[in-house]
Structures are given as structure tokens and as C-alpha cells.
PDB file of N, CA and C in Angstrom:
ATOM      1  N   HIS A   1      13.091 141.733 -56.732  1.00  0.00           N
ATOM      2  CA  HIS A   1      14.821 141.589 -56.882  1.00  0.00           C
ATOM      3  C   HIS A   1      15.640 142.423 -56.946  1.00  0.00           C
ATOM      4  N   VAL A   2      16.760 142.280 -56.495  1.00  0.00           N
ATOM      5  CA  VAL A   2      17.739 143.090 -55.772  1.00  0.00           C
ATOM      6  C   VAL A   2      18.604 143.309 -57.055  1.00  0.00           C
ATOM      7  N   PRO A   3      18.889 144.389 -57.667  1.00  0.00           N
ATOM      8  CA  PRO A   3      20.394 144.853 -58.662  1.00  0.00           C
ATOM      9  C   PRO A   3      21.387 143.145 -58.306  1.00  0.00           C
ATOM     10  N   PRO A   4      22.228 142.541 -59.316  1.00  0.00           N
ATOM     11  CA  PRO A   4      22.996 142.387 -58.691  1.00  0.00           C
ATOM     12  C   PRO A   4      24.582 142.950 -58.339  1.00  0.00           C
ATOM     13  N   ARG A   5      24.569 143.892 -58.487  1.00  0.00           N
ATOM     14  CA  ARG A   5      25.647 145.068 -57.992  1.00  0.00           C
ATOM     15  C   ARG A   5      25.783 144.748 -56.423  1.00  0.00           C
ATOM     16  N   VAL A   6      23.983 144.932 -55.876  1.00  0.00           N
ATOM     17  CA  VAL A   6      23.944 145.177 -54.640  1.00  0.00           C
ATOM     18  C   VAL A   6      24.147 143.869 -53.502  1.00  0.00           C
ATOM     19  N   LEU A   7      24.000 142.762 -54.887  1.00  0.00           N
ATOM     20  CA  LEU A   7      24.245 141.148 -54.123  1.00  0.00           C
ATOM     21  C   LEU A   7      25.384 141.090 -54.269  1.00  0.00           C
ATOM     22  N   ARG A   8      26.535 141.455 -55.023  1.00  0.00           N
ATOM     23  CA  ARG A   8      27.860 141.323 -54.978  1.00  0.00           C
ATOM     24  C   ARG A   8      28.023 142.171 -53.571  1.00  0.00           C
ATOM     25  N   THR A   9      27.789 143.315 -53.262  1.00  0.00           N
ATOM     26  CA  THR A   9      28.310 144.326 -52.365  1.00  0.00           C
ATOM     27  C   THR A   9      27.821 143.480 -50.882  1.00  0.00           C
ATOM     28  N   VAL A  10      27.151 142.815 -51.023  1.00  0.00           N
ATOM     29  CA  VAL A  10      26.419 142.298 -49.462  1.00  0.00           C
ATOM     30  C   VAL A  10      27.667 141.009 -49.634  1.00  0.00           C
ATOM     31  N   ALA A  11      27.643 140.549 -50.475  1.00  0.00           N
ATOM     32  CA  ALA A  11      28.593 139.133 -50.442  1.00  0.00           C
ATOM     33  C   ALA A  11      30.228 139.709 -49.659  1.00  0.00           C
ATOM     34  N   MET A  12      30.301 141.001 -50.544  1.00  0.00           N
ATOM     35  CA  MET A  12      31.847 141.620 -49.901  1.00  0.00           C
ATOM     36  C   MET A  12      31.252 142.183 -48.565  1.00  0.00           C
ATOM     37  N   CYS A  13      30.666 142.289 -48.028  1.00  0.00           N
ATOM     38  CA  CYS A  13      30.264 142.650 -46.730  1.00  0.00           C
ATOM     39  C   CYS A  13      30.707 141.745 -45.783  1.00  0.00           C
ATOM     40  N   LEU A  14      30.153 140.359 -46.432  1.00  0.00           N
ATOM     41  CA  LEU A  14      30.645 139.140 -45.989  1.00  0.00           C
ATOM     42  C   LEU A  14      32.248 138.751 -45.600  1.00  0.00           C
ATOM     43  N   GLN A  15      32.455 139.108 -46.592  1.00  0.00           N
ATOM     44  CA  GLN A  15      33.640 139.131 -46.594  1.00  0.00           C
ATOM     45  C   GLN A  15      34.561 139.560 -45.742  1.00  0.00           C
ATOM     46  N   SER A  16      34.675 140.988 -46.104  1.00  0.00           N
ATOM     47  CA  SER A  16      35.314 142.110 -44.677  1.00  0.00           C
ATOM     48  C   SER A  16      34.939 141.625 -43.842  1.00  0.00           C
ATOM     49  N   ALA A  17      33.812 140.925 -43.363  1.00  0.00           N
ATOM     50  CA  ALA A  17      33.412 140.813 -41.673  1.00  0.00           C
ATOM     51  C   ALA A  17      34.635 139.348 -41.588  1.00  0.00           C
ATOM     52  N   LEU A  18      34.296 138.406 -41.932  1.00  0.00           N
ATOM     53  CA  LEU A  18      35.379 137.491 -41.971  1.00  0.00           C
ATOM     54  C   LEU A  18      36.726 137.873 -42.515  1.00  0.00           C
ATOM     55  N   ASP A  19      36.679 138.501 -42.929  1.00  0.00           N
ATOM     56  CA  ASP A  19      38.537 139.174 -42.989  1.00  0.00           C
ATOM     57  C   ASP A  19      38.927 140.134 -42.098  1.00  0.00           C
ATOM     58  N   ARG A  20      38.056 140.602 -41.255  1.00  0.00           N
ATOM     59  CA  ARG A  20      38.133 141.612 -40.367  1.00  0.00           C
ATOM     60  C   ARG A  20      38.843 142.952 -40.278  1.00  0.00           C
ATOM     61  N   ARG A  21      38.132 143.683 -41.601  1.00  0.00           N
ATOM     62  CA  ARG A  21      38.917 144.150 -42.265  1.00  0.00           C
ATOM     63  C   ARG A  21      37.696 145.347 -43.365  1.00  0.00           C
ATOM     64  N   GLN A  22      38.008 146.893 -42.788  1.00  0.00           N
ATOM     65  CA  GLN A  22      36.840 147.647 -43.447  1.00  0.00           C
ATOM     66  C   GLN A  22      36.423 147.508 -44.626  1.00  0.00           C
ATOM     67  N   LEU A  23      35.099 147.878 -45.155  1.00  0.00           N
ATOM     68  CA  LEU A  23      35.300 148.048 -46.437  1.00  0.00           C
ATOM     69  C   LEU A  23      33.901 148.786 -46.124  1.00  0.00           C
ATOM     70  N   ALA A  24      34.491 150.297 -47.448  1.00  0.00           N
ATOM     71  CA  ALA A  24      33.518 151.424 -47.538  1.00  0.00           C
ATOM     72  C   ALA A  24      33.571 152.186 -46.202  1.00  0.00           C
ATOM     73  N   ASN A  25      34.971 152.825 -45.187  1.00  0.00           N
ATOM     74  CA  ASN A  25      35.105 152.864 -43.854  1.00  0.00           C
ATOM     75  C   ASN A  25      34.073 152.171 -42.763  1.00  0.00           C
ATOM     76  N   PHE A  26      33.686 150.881 -43.103  1.00  0.00           N
ATOM     77  CA  PHE A  26      32.898 150.156 -41.788  1.00  0.00           C
ATOM     78  C   PHE A  26      33.418 149.408 -41.203  1.00  0.00           C
ATOM     79  N   ALA A  27      33.925 149.088 -40.230  1.00  0.00           N
ATOM     80  CA  ALA A  27      33.935 147.440 -39.910  1.00  0.00           C
ATOM     81  C   ALA A  27      32.957 146.409 -39.424  1.00  0.00           C
ATOM     82  N   TRP A  28      32.783 145.900 -40.596  1.00  0.00           N
ATOM     83  CA  TRP A  28      31.766 144.765 -40.726  1.00  0.00           C
ATOM     84  C   TRP A  28      31.198 143.747 -39.785  1.00  0.00           C
ATOM     85  N   ARG A  29      30.693 142.974 -39.148  1.00  0.00           N
ATOM     86  CA  ARG A  29      30.624 142.130 -38.423  1.00  0.00           C
ATOM     87  C   ARG A  29      30.047 141.274 -38.829  1.00  0.00           C
ATOM     88  N   LEU A  30      29.916 139.675 -38.728  1.00  0.00           N
ATOM     89  CA  LEU A  30      29.308 138.722 -39.244  1.00  0.00           C
ATOM     90  C   LEU A  30      28.021 139.099 -38.308  1.00  0.00           C
ATOM     91  N   SER A  31      27.515 139.386 -37.300  1.00  0.00           N
ATOM     92  CA  SER A  31      26.020 139.720 -37.209  1.00  0.00           C
ATOM     93  C   SER A  31      25.427 140.577 -38.235  1.00  0.00           C
ATOM     94  N   ASP A  32      26.031 141.727 -38.404  1.00  0.00           N
ATOM     95  CA  ASP A  32      25.640 142.661 -39.554  1.00  0.00           C
ATOM     96  C   ASP A  32      25.161 142.430 -40.951  1.00  0.00           C
ATOM     97  N   VAL A  33      25.517 141.150 -41.242  1.00  0.00           N
ATOM     98  CA  VAL A  33      25.525 140.506 -42.719  1.00  0.00           C
ATOM     99  C   VAL A  33      24.562 139.391 -42.828  1.00  0.00           C
ATOM    100  N   VAL A  34      25.408 138.457 -42.068  1.00  0.00           N
ATOM    101  CA  VAL A  34      24.521 137.035 -42.196  1.00  0.00           C
ATOM    102  C   VAL A  34      22.763 137.072 -42.059  1.00  0.00           C
ATOM    103  N   GLU A  35      22.096 137.545 -41.245  1.00  0.00           N
ATOM    104  CA  GLU A  35      20.538 137.492 -41.249  1.00  0.00           C
ATOM    105  C   GLU A  35      20.083 138.122 -42.253  1.00  0.00           C
ATOM    106  N   PRO A  36      20.950 139.534 -42.707  1.00  0.00           N
ATOM    107  CA  PRO A  36      19.796 140.355 -43.986  1.00  0.00           C
ATOM    108  C   PRO A  36      20.836 139.468 -45.080  1.00  0.00           C
ATOM    109  N   LEU A  37      21.618 138.727 -45.436  1.00  0.00           N
ATOM    110  CA  LEU A  37      22.072 137.615 -46.133  1.00  0.00           C
ATOM    111  C   LEU A  37      20.461 136.532 -46.613  1.00  0.00           C
ATOM    112  N   ALA A  38      20.538 135.796 -45.632  1.00  0.00           N
ATOM    113  CA  ALA A  38      19.730 134.554 -45.416  1.00  0.00           C
ATOM    114  C   ALA A  38      18.334 135.834 -45.763  1.00  0.00           C
ATOM    115  N   ARG A  39      17.833 136.520 -45.204  1.00  0.00           N
ATOM    116  CA  ARG A  39      16.511 136.801 -45.738  1.00  0.00           C
ATOM    117  C   ARG A  39      16.532 137.564 -47.672  1.00  0.00           C
ATOM    118  N   LEU A  40      18.103 137.974 -47.878  1.00  0.00           N
ATOM    119  CA  LEU A  40      17.939 137.792 -49.429  1.00  0.00           C
ATOM    120  C   LEU A  40      17.358 136.553 -49.922  1.00  0.00           C
ATOM    121  N   ALA A  41      18.609 135.713 -49.709  1.00  0.00           N
ATOM    122  CA  ALA A  41      18.312 134.149 -49.765  1.00  0.00           C
ATOM    123  C   ALA A  41      17.025 133.206 -50.205  1.00  0.00           C
ATOM    124  N   ALA A  42      16.142 134.593 -49.081  1.00  0.00           N
ATOM    125  CA  ALA A  42      14.927 133.588 -48.861  1.00  0.00           C
ATOM    126  C   ALA A  42      14.089 134.009 -49.742  1.00  0.00           C
ATOM    127  N   VAL A  43      14.452 135.068 -51.078  1.00  0.00           N
ATOM    128  CA  VAL A  43      13.796 135.394 -52.608  1.00  0.00           C
ATOM    129  C   VAL A  43      14.119 134.855 -53.586  1.00  0.00           C
ATOM    130  N   GLU A  44      13.730 133.608 -54.003  1.00  0.00           N
ATOM    131  CA  GLU A  44      14.113 132.971 -54.722  1.00  0.00           C
ATOM    132  C   GLU A  44      14.325 133.626 -56.232  1.00  0.00           C
ATOM    133  N   HIS A  45      14.271 135.025 -56.329  1.00  0.00           N
ATOM    134  CA  HIS A  45      14.695 135.571 -57.578  1.00  0.00           C
ATOM    135  C   HIS A  45      16.398 136.263 -57.488  1.00  0.00           C
ATOM    136  N   ASN A  46      16.336 136.193 -55.716  1.00  0.00           N
ATOM    137  CA  ASN A  46      18.021 137.118 -55.641  1.00  0.00           C
ATOM    138  C   ASN A  46      19.030 135.382 -55.534  1.00  0.00           C
ATOM    139  N   ARG A  47      18.591 134.109 -55.280  1.00  0.00           N
ATOM    140  CA  ARG A  47      19.670 133.546 -55.003  1.00  0.00           C
ATOM    141  C   ARG A  47      20.725 133.420 -56.162  1.00  0.00           C
ATOM    142  N   GLU A  48      20.351 133.441 -57.577  1.00  0.00           N
ATOM    143  CA  GLU A  48      21.246 133.183 -58.205  1.00  0.00           C
ATOM    144  C   GLU A  48      22.639 134.275 -58.410  1.00  0.00           C
ATOM    145  N   GLY A  49      22.333 135.390 -58.120  1.00  0.00           N
ATOM    146  CA  GLY A  49      23.145 137.176 -57.931  1.00  0.00           C
ATOM    147  C   GLY A  49      24.041 136.380 -56.907  1.00  0.00           C
ATOM    148  N   LEU A  50      23.253 136.241 -55.786  1.00  0.00           N
ATOM    149  CA  LEU A  50      24.071 135.527 -54.923  1.00  0.00           C
ATOM    150  C   LEU A  50      25.264 135.104 -55.214  1.00  0.00           C
ATOM    151  N   GLY A  51      24.531 133.889 -55.364  1.00  0.00           N
ATOM    152  CA  GLY A  51      25.851 132.667 -55.680  1.00  0.00           C
ATOM    153  C   GLY A  51      26.915 133.383 -56.549  1.00  0.00           C
ATOM    154  N   ALA A  52      26.368 134.108 -57.579  1.00  0.00           N
ATOM    155  CA  ALA A  52      27.427 134.806 -58.876  1.00  0.00           C
ATOM    156  C   ALA A  52      28.463 135.660 -57.937  1.00  0.00           C
ATOM    157  N   GLY A  53      28.061 136.060 -57.225  1.00  0.00           N
ATOM    158  CA  GLY A  53      28.561 137.384 -56.041  1.00  0.00           C
ATOM    159  C   GLY A  53      29.165 136.851 -55.522  1.00  0.00           C
ATOM    160  N   GLY A  54      29.557 135.543 -54.916  1.00  0.00           N
ATOM    161  CA  GLY A  54      30.371 135.315 -53.829  1.00  0.00           C
ATOM    162  C   GLY A  54      29.879 134.761 -52.850  1.00  0.00           C
ATOM    163  N   ALA A  55      28.402 135.141 -52.952  1.00  0.00           N
ATOM    164  CA  ALA A  55      28.090 134.586 -51.218  1.00  0.00           C
ATOM    165  C   ALA A  55      28.681 133.121 -50.871  1.00  0.00           C
ATOM    166  N   LEU A  56      28.149 132.731 -51.792  1.00  0.00           N
ATOM    167  CA  LEU A  56      28.590 131.038 -51.319  1.00  0.00           C
ATOM    168  C   LEU A  56      29.949 130.561 -50.977  1.00  0.00           C
ATOM    169  N   ASP A  57      30.867 130.877 -51.347  1.00  0.00           N
ATOM    170  CA  ASP A  57      32.404 130.951 -51.020  1.00  0.00           C
ATOM    171  C   ASP A  57      32.489 131.325 -49.246  1.00  0.00           C
ATOM    172  N   GLN A  58      32.032 132.890 -49.220  1.00  0.00           N
ATOM    173  CA  GLN A  58      31.807 132.730 -48.152  1.00  0.00           C
ATOM    174  C   GLN A  58      30.886 132.756 -46.669  1.00  0.00           C
ATOM    175  N   LEU A  59      29.840 132.365 -47.637  1.00  0.00           N
ATOM    176  CA  LEU A  59      29.227 131.523 -46.471  1.00  0.00           C
ATOM    177  C   LEU A  59      29.574 130.397 -45.976  1.00  0.00           C
ATOM    178  N   MET A  60      30.286 129.539 -46.918  1.00  0.00           N
ATOM    179  CA  MET A  60      31.368 128.331 -46.422  1.00  0.00           C
ATOM    180  C   MET A  60      32.777 128.513 -45.967  1.00  0.00           C
ATOM    181  N   ARG A  61      33.020 129.834 -45.568  1.00  0.00           N
ATOM    182  CA  ARG A  61      34.130 129.769 -44.912  1.00  0.00           C
ATOM    183  C   ARG A  61      33.604 130.460 -43.277  1.00  0.00           C
ATOM    184  N   ALA A  62      32.235 130.966 -43.999  1.00  0.00           N
ATOM    185  CA  ALA A  62      31.793 131.381 -42.137  1.00  0.00           C
ATOM    186  C   ALA A  62      31.526 130.050 -41.464  1.00  0.00           C
ATOM    187  N   VAL A  63      31.039 129.337 -42.191  1.00  0.00           N
ATOM    188  CA  VAL A  63      30.609 127.845 -41.230  1.00  0.00           C
ATOM    189  C   VAL A  63      31.957 127.007 -41.196  1.00  0.00           C
ATOM    190  N   ALA A  64      32.880 126.942 -41.894  1.00  0.00           N
ATOM    191  CA  ALA A  64      33.928 126.504 -41.594  1.00  0.00           C
ATOM    192  C   ALA A  64      34.992 127.241 -40.233  1.00  0.00           C
ATOM    193  N   MET A  65      34.677 128.260 -40.534  1.00  0.00           N
ATOM    194  CA  MET A  65      35.459 129.137 -39.171  1.00  0.00           C
ATOM    195  C   MET A  65      35.235 128.471 -37.810  1.00  0.00           C
ATOM    196  N   ALA A  66      33.233 128.831 -37.989  1.00  0.00           N
ATOM    197  CA  ALA A  66      32.806 128.282 -36.644  1.00  0.00           C
ATOM    198  C   ALA A  66      33.237 126.808 -36.345  1.00  0.00           C
ATOM    199  N   SER A  67      33.810 125.944 -37.008  1.00  0.00           N
ATOM    200  CA  SER A  67      33.494 124.371 -36.861  1.00  0.00           C
ATOM    201  C   SER A  67      34.630 124.670 -36.478  1.00  0.00           C
ATOM    202  N   TYR A  68      36.091 125.353 -37.019  1.00  0.00           N
ATOM    203  CA  TYR A  68      37.104 125.363 -36.635  1.00  0.00           C
ATOM    204  C   TYR A  68      37.379 126.416 -34.658  1.00  0.00           C
ATOM    205  N   ASN A  69      36.685 127.301 -34.478  1.00  0.00           N
ATOM    206  CA  ASN A  69      36.497 127.997 -33.467  1.00  0.00           C
ATOM    207  C   ASN A  69      35.020 128.084 -33.109  1.00  0.00           C
ATOM    208  N   PRO A  70      34.578 127.220 -32.095  1.00  0.00           N
ATOM    209  CA  PRO A  70      33.279 127.704 -31.919  1.00  0.00           C
ATOM    210  C   PRO A  70      32.871 128.713 -31.114  1.00  0.00           C
ATOM    211  N   PHE A  71      33.892 129.508 -30.863  1.00  0.00           N
ATOM    212  CA  PHE A  71      33.616 130.984 -30.004  1.00  0.00           C
ATOM    213  C   PHE A  71      33.546 132.093 -31.686  1.00  0.00           C
ATOM    214  N   ALA A  72      34.131 131.571 -32.648  1.00  0.00           N
ATOM    215  CA  ALA A  72      34.254 132.174 -33.710  1.00  0.00           C
ATOM    216  C   ALA A  72      32.346 133.014 -34.323  1.00  0.00           C
ATOM    217  N   ALA A  73      31.540 132.065 -33.857  1.00  0.00           N
ATOM    218  CA  ALA A  73      30.170 132.881 -34.618  1.00  0.00           C
ATOM    219  C   ALA A  73      29.090 132.308 -33.398  1.00  0.00           C
ATOM    220  N   GLU A  74      28.235 133.032 -33.460  1.00  0.00           N
ATOM    221  CA  GLU A  74      27.055 132.757 -32.514  1.00  0.00           C
ATOM    222  C   GLU A  74      26.345 131.937 -32.889  1.00  0.00           C
ATOM    223  N   PRO A  75      25.568 130.589 -32.360  1.00  0.00           N
ATOM    224  CA  PRO A  75      24.403 129.655 -32.756  1.00  0.00           C
ATOM    225  C   PRO A  75      23.461 130.233 -33.899  1.00  0.00           C
ATOM    226  N   ALA A  76      23.141 131.849 -33.563  1.00  0.00           N
ATOM    227  CA  ALA A  76      21.955 132.454 -34.391  1.00  0.00           C
ATOM    228  C   ALA A  76      22.916 132.254 -35.840  1.00  0.00           C
ATOM    229  N   GLN A  77      24.182 133.212 -35.580  1.00  0.00           N
ATOM    230  CA  GLN A  77      24.752 133.259 -36.907  1.00  0.00           C
ATOM    231  C   GLN A  77      24.755 132.606 -37.788  1.00  0.00           C
ATOM    232  N   LEU A  78      25.319 130.901 -37.195  1.00  0.00           N
ATOM    233  CA  LEU A  78      25.492 130.197 -37.917  1.00  0.00           C
ATOM    234  C   LEU A  78      24.393 129.525 -38.105  1.00  0.00           C
ATOM    235  N   LYS A  79      23.061 129.787 -37.690  1.00  0.00           N
ATOM    236  CA  LYS A  79      21.958 129.036 -38.268  1.00  0.00           C
ATOM    237  C   LYS A  79      21.456 129.528 -39.472  1.00  0.00           C
ATOM    238  N   HIS A  80      22.041 131.317 -39.619  1.00  0.00           N
ATOM    239  CA  HIS A  80      21.408 131.944 -40.520  1.00  0.00           C
ATOM    240  C   HIS A  80      22.575 131.833 -41.709  1.00  0.00           C
ATOM    241  N   CYS A  81      23.238 131.253 -42.036  1.00  0.00           N
ATOM    242  CA  CYS A  81      24.857 130.644 -42.574  1.00  0.00           C
ATOM    243  C   CYS A  81      24.149 129.710 -44.031  1.00  0.00           C
ATOM    244  N   ILE A  82      23.866 128.649 -42.337  1.00  0.00           N
ATOM    245  CA  ILE A  82      23.385 127.345 -43.158  1.00  0.00           C
ATOM    246  C   ILE A  82      22.231 127.416 -43.645  1.00  0.00           C
ATOM    247  N   TRP A  83      21.344 128.355 -43.193  1.00  0.00           N
ATOM    248  CA  TRP A  83      19.980 128.504 -44.127  1.00  0.00           C
ATOM    249  C   TRP A  83      20.067 129.308 -45.264  1.00  0.00           C
ATOM    250  N   ALA A  84      21.364 130.124 -45.139  1.00  0.00           N
ATOM    251  CA  ALA A  84      21.298 130.613 -46.701  1.00  0.00           C
ATOM    252  C   ALA A  84      21.602 130.052 -48.043  1.00  0.00           C
ATOM    253  N   LEU A  85      23.092 128.997 -47.149  1.00  0.00           N
ATOM    254  CA  LEU A  85      23.530 128.019 -48.000  1.00  0.00           C
ATOM    255  C   LEU A  85      22.567 126.923 -48.389  1.00  0.00           C
ATOM    256  N   VAL A  86      21.556 126.645 -47.846  1.00  0.00           N
ATOM    257  CA  VAL A  86      20.502 125.507 -48.263  1.00  0.00           C
ATOM    258  C   VAL A  86      19.812 126.104 -49.377  1.00  0.00           C
ATOM    259  N   LEU A  87      19.027 127.787 -49.072  1.00  0.00           N
ATOM    260  CA  LEU A  87      18.053 128.284 -49.981  1.00  0.00           C
ATOM    261  C   LEU A  87      19.498 128.701 -51.173  1.00  0.00           C
ATOM    262  N   LEU A  88      20.228 129.034 -51.107  1.00  0.00           N
ATOM    263  CA  LEU A  88      21.191 129.552 -52.391  1.00  0.00           C
ATOM    264  C   LEU A  88      21.188 127.624 -53.181  1.00  0.00           C
ATOM    265  N   ALA A  89      21.769 127.245 -52.325  1.00  0.00           N
ATOM    266  CA  ALA A  89      21.632 125.705 -52.818  1.00  0.00           C
ATOM    267  C   ALA A  89      20.845 125.110 -54.092  1.00  0.00           C
ATOM    268  N   SER A  90      19.710 125.440 -53.899  1.00  0.00           N
ATOM    269  CA  SER A  90      18.585 125.064 -54.186  1.00  0.00           C
ATOM    270  C   SER A  90      17.977 125.396 -56.058  1.00  0.00           C
ATOM    271  N   THR A  91      19.251 125.845 -56.459  1.00  0.00           N
ATOM    272  CA  THR A  91      19.099 126.362 -57.853  1.00  0.00           C
ATOM    273  C   THR A  91      20.550 125.769 -58.265  1.00  0.00           C
ATOM    274  N   PRO A  92      20.729 125.151 -59.433  1.00  0.00           N
ATOM    275  CA  PRO A  92      21.225 123.958 -60.219  1.00  0.00           C
ATOM    276  C   PRO A  92      22.599 124.844 -60.406  1.00  0.00           C
ATOM    277  N   ALA A  93      22.674 125.660 -60.656  1.00  0.00           N
ATOM    278  CA  ALA A  93      23.785 127.100 -60.995  1.00  0.00           C
ATOM    279  C   ALA A  93      25.051 126.974 -59.547  1.00  0.00           C
ATOM    280  N   ASN A  94      23.847 127.439 -58.542  1.00  0.00           N
ATOM    281  CA  ASN A  94      24.665 127.479 -57.396  1.00  0.00           C
ATOM    282  C   ASN A  94      24.877 125.865 -56.842  1.00  0.00           C
ATOM    283  N   LEU A  95      24.321 125.054 -56.819  1.00  0.00           N
ATOM    284  CA  LEU A  95      24.472 123.966 -56.488  1.00  0.00           C
ATOM    285  C   LEU A  95      25.821 123.385 -56.770  1.00  0.00           C
ATOM    286  N   HIS A  96      26.172 123.664 -58.258  1.00  0.00           N
ATOM    287  CA  HIS A  96      27.261 123.321 -58.812  1.00  0.00           C
ATOM    288  C   HIS A  96      28.660 123.862 -58.832  1.00  0.00           C
ATOM    289  N   ARG A  97      28.329 125.483 -58.322  1.00  0.00           N
ATOM    290  CA  ARG A  97      29.478 126.497 -57.678  1.00  0.00           C
ATOM    291  C   ARG A  97      29.905 126.100 -56.367  1.00  0.00           C
ATOM    292  N   LEU A  98      28.405 125.421 -55.673  1.00  0.00           N
ATOM    293  CA  LEU A  98      29.060 124.864 -54.031  1.00  0.00           C
ATOM    294  C   LEU A  98      29.666 123.780 -53.907  1.00  0.00           C
ATOM    295  N   SER A  99      29.612 122.855 -55.183  1.00  0.00           N
ATOM    296  CA  SER A  99      30.338 121.532 -55.369  1.00  0.00           C
ATOM    297  C   SER A  99      31.869 122.253 -55.755  1.00  0.00           C
ATOM    298  N   GLU A 100      31.839 123.261 -56.227  1.00  0.00           N
ATOM    299  CA  GLU A 100      33.582 123.213 -56.971  1.00  0.00           C
ATOM    300  C   GLU A 100      34.167 124.476 -55.277  1.00  0.00           C
ATOM    301  N   THR A 101      33.581 124.797 -54.710  1.00  0.00           N
ATOM    302  CA  THR A 101      33.776 125.555 -53.174  1.00  0.00           C
ATOM    303  C   THR A 101      34.350 125.152 -52.192  1.00  0.00           C
ATOM    304  N   SER A 102      35.857 125.144 -52.272  1.00  0.00           N
ATOM    305  CA  SER A 102      36.293 124.379 -51.398  1.00  0.00           C
ATOM    306  C   SER A 102      37.175 125.685 -50.305  1.00  0.00           C
ATOM    307  N   VAL A 103      37.151 125.275 -48.842  1.00  0.00           N
ATOM    308  CA  VAL A 103      37.913 126.288 -47.732  1.00  0.00           C
ATOM    309  C   VAL A 103      39.422 125.566 -47.070  1.00  0.00           C
ATOM    310  N   HIS A 104      40.598 126.636 -47.259  1.00  0.00           N
ATOM    311  CA  HIS A 104      41.697 126.171 -47.207  1.00  0.00           C
ATOM    312  C   HIS A 104      42.085 126.087 -45.563  1.00  0.00           C
ATOM    313  N   ARG A 105      43.004 125.399 -45.098  1.00  0.00           N
ATOM    314  CA  ARG A 105      43.694 125.669 -44.203  1.00  0.00           C
ATOM    315  C   ARG A 105      44.474 127.087 -43.847  1.00  0.00           C
ATOM    316  N   ASP A 106      45.141 127.745 -44.982  1.00  0.00           N
ATOM    317  CA  ASP A 106      45.931 128.463 -44.825  1.00  0.00           C
ATOM    318  C   ASP A 106      45.003 129.792 -45.293  1.00  0.00           C
ATOM    319  N   ASP A 107      43.840 129.919 -45.079  1.00  0.00           N
ATOM    320  CA  ASP A 107      42.485 131.006 -44.952  1.00  0.00           C
ATOM    321  C   ASP A 107      42.796 131.543 -44.058  1.00  0.00           C
ATOM    322  N   ARG A 108      42.746 132.967 -43.798  1.00  0.00           N
ATOM    323  CA  ARG A 108      42.980 133.738 -43.043  1.00  0.00           C
ATOM    324  C   ARG A 108      41.908 133.411 -41.837  1.00  0.00           C
ATOM    325  N   LEU A 109      41.069 132.768 -42.071  1.00  0.00           N
ATOM    326  CA  LEU A 109      40.181 132.024 -40.996  1.00  0.00           C
ATOM    327  C   LEU A 109      40.925 131.634 -40.339  1.00  0.00           C
ATOM    328  N   PHE A 110      41.722 130.738 -40.677  1.00  0.00           N
ATOM    329  CA  PHE A 110      42.044 129.828 -39.144  1.00  0.00           C
ATOM    330  C   PHE A 110      43.180 130.262 -38.557  1.00  0.00           C
ATOM    331  N   SER A 111      43.713 131.260 -39.395  1.00  0.00           N
ATOM    332  CA  SER A 111      45.347 132.160 -38.317  1.00  0.00           C
ATOM    333  C   SER A 111      44.616 132.791 -36.684  1.00  0.00           C
TER     334      SER A 111
END
């Protein structure tokens, strides 16, 4: 079981990678974050914390970015994003969060 603050930090690292900005003086890349996030999501006890920490929104952004721009993510990265989304959606709270998630065209990933 990973503490919620650590799961929030992982979600923030994904957001940082998508926004192409540094977090903790490190330039995160999608490839740095999505596989570890998917591995964390594979552990049932981590799913609620990842969802509450913002991972769902950021994973949706990553998938949207890849669908808008095929060069935005490698197939393996996209596979990890989708797998993590499927795992996170297995809890009722995260499924509800996912139903309320939207990605807007004015998001930075579309610019």
C-alpha cells in the first residue's frame, strides 16, 4: 500500500510530463511515468488513491493527446495509459470520477 501523498506525486509527475514543465527540478517525460503508474494501478489498494490524486484526468489527457497527435506517445506508452485507466476504473469511485472527466480542446496538449 503506497501512501496517498506519493500517489498524488506520481499524478503530478504525469501532469508535468504532459505540460512539458519541470517538477522538482526534473523534466519528466511520458515514458518516465506511465509504466510505473500502470504498475501502481495494478495493485488494488492503490487505485482509489491514484484516482483521488488526479491520475485519471492526466491519463485521459495522455490518451487524448495521442489520439490527436499520433507522434505524441509511443504505442507502449499509450498501452500503459489505457491499461492504467482500465484498472483504475474498476473501483466505483474512480468510475464515477472518470464519468465526470473531460478533455477540452483549449488544453495545452492541443496547442
